[in-house]
């Protein structure tokens, strides 16, 4: 058996912890699968994962505009089109939307 190659081990470990692709799941992961992603700090997308949520049916631009009319929410769009919400406002915005979605 050849001796272990520390460079190969380092490269393997690097790729395990720094994924170049985001895994797509087609159903919710089990608690164990979820924790494996968390432990490796790996992102994933659950396609259709929020399909049954009430917010998917009722939240649209008009609804959010009416609900959040009195809230100050600052956003910034990155060059790649991602939206960044100020962290100090994120919690209050989510809490307000959560409360209103339960009415």
Protein backbone atom coordinates (compact mmCIF):
# COMPACT_ATOMS: atom_id res chain seq x y z
CA UNK A 1 0.00 0.00 0.00
CA UNK A 2 1.48 3.38 -0.97
CA UNK A 3 2.04 5.93 1.81
CA UNK A 4 -0.69 8.56 2.29
CA UNK A 5 -0.31 11.62 0.12
CA UNK A 6 -0.85 14.71 2.33
CA UNK A 7 -1.27 16.99 -0.70
CA UNK A 8 -3.99 14.76 -2.17
CA UNK A 9 -5.68 14.61 1.26
CA UNK A 10 -5.56 18.41 1.53
CA UNK A 11 -7.05 18.85 -1.94
CA UNK A 12 -9.82 16.35 -1.17
CA UNK A 13 -10.61 18.05 2.14
CA UNK A 14 -10.60 21.46 0.48
CA UNK A 15 -13.12 20.36 -2.15
CA UNK A 16 -15.34 18.74 0.47
CA UNK A 17 -15.50 21.97 2.47
CA UNK A 18 -15.54 24.42 -0.45
CA UNK A 19 -18.08 23.11 -2.89
CA UNK A 20 -18.08 24.61 -6.36
CA UNK A 21 -21.67 23.53 -6.93
CA UNK A 22 -24.82 23.82 -4.85
CA UNK A 23 -26.64 20.54 -4.33
CA UNK A 24 -30.25 20.43 -5.49
CA UNK A 25 -32.59 18.30 -3.42
CA UNK A 26 -36.09 17.43 -4.59
CA UNK A 27 -37.43 16.68 -1.13
CA UNK A 28 -36.70 17.92 2.36
CA UNK A 29 -33.59 16.32 3.82
CA UNK A 30 -33.84 14.23 6.96
CA UNK A 31 -32.53 15.80 10.15
CA UNK A 32 -29.31 13.80 9.75
CA UNK A 33 -28.84 14.85 6.11
CA UNK A 34 -29.49 18.46 7.06
CA UNK A 35 -26.92 18.34 9.86
CA UNK A 36 -24.37 16.86 7.46
CA UNK A 37 -24.77 19.90 5.21
CA UNK A 38 -24.53 22.21 8.23
CA UNK A 39 -21.44 20.44 9.58
CA UNK A 40 -19.70 20.81 6.22
CA UNK A 41 -20.99 24.37 5.78
CA UNK A 42 -22.37 23.30 2.38
CA UNK A 43 -25.25 25.14 0.73
CA UNK A 44 -28.18 23.30 -0.82
CA UNK A 45 -31.52 24.11 -2.42
CA UNK A 46 -34.71 22.16 -1.82
CA UNK A 47 -36.65 22.55 -5.07
CA UNK A 48 -40.32 23.05 -4.25
CA UNK A 49 -39.50 22.99 -0.54
CA UNK A 50 -41.73 25.97 0.24
CA UNK A 51 -44.48 25.05 -2.19
CA UNK A 52 -47.11 24.44 0.50
CA UNK A 53 -46.31 27.56 2.51
CA UNK A 54 -49.08 30.14 2.84
CA UNK A 55 -46.56 32.87 1.94
CA UNK A 56 -46.08 31.32 -1.53
CA UNK A 57 -49.76 31.82 -2.23
CA UNK A 58 -50.31 35.26 -0.76
CA UNK A 59 -46.99 37.13 -0.84
CA UNK A 60 -46.49 39.21 -3.97
CA UNK A 61 -45.27 42.74 -4.65
CA UNK A 62 -48.67 44.34 -3.93
CA UNK A 63 -49.18 42.39 -0.69
CA UNK A 64 -45.68 43.11 0.61
CA UNK A 65 -45.97 46.77 -0.36
CA UNK A 66 -49.20 47.09 1.64
CA UNK A 67 -47.92 45.12 4.64
CA UNK A 68 -44.52 46.79 4.84
CA UNK A 69 -45.67 50.30 3.90
CA UNK A 70 -44.78 51.76 7.33
CA UNK A 71 -41.51 49.81 7.70
CA UNK A 72 -38.10 51.15 6.68
CA UNK A 73 -36.33 48.39 4.78
CA UNK A 74 -33.05 49.12 3.05
CA UNK A 75 -31.82 46.76 0.35
CA UNK A 76 -28.86 46.74 -1.99
CA UNK A 77 -28.58 44.83 -5.25
CA UNK A 78 -25.17 43.34 -5.96
CA UNK A 79 -23.62 43.37 -9.45
CA UNK A 80 -24.78 39.76 -9.86
CA UNK A 81 -28.38 40.68 -9.05
CA UNK A 82 -28.49 39.36 -5.49
CA UNK A 83 -30.31 41.39 -2.88
CA UNK A 84 -28.65 42.18 0.43
CA UNK A 85 -30.88 43.30 3.29
CA UNK A 86 -29.31 45.17 6.17
CA UNK A 87 -28.83 42.68 8.99
CA UNK A 88 -30.27 44.94 11.67
CA UNK A 89 -33.50 45.30 9.68
CA UNK A 90 -33.75 41.70 8.50
CA UNK A 91 -35.06 40.30 11.80
CA UNK A 92 -37.72 42.98 12.28
CA UNK A 93 -38.87 42.68 8.66
CA UNK A 94 -39.15 38.89 8.90
CA UNK A 95 -40.93 39.09 12.24
CA UNK A 96 -43.45 41.60 10.89
CA UNK A 97 -44.11 39.48 7.82
CA UNK A 98 -44.38 36.30 9.90
CA UNK A 99 -46.94 37.88 12.22
CA UNK A 100 -49.01 39.20 9.35
CA UNK A 101 -48.88 35.91 7.44
CA UNK A 102 -50.50 34.15 10.40
CA UNK A 103 -53.53 36.47 10.41
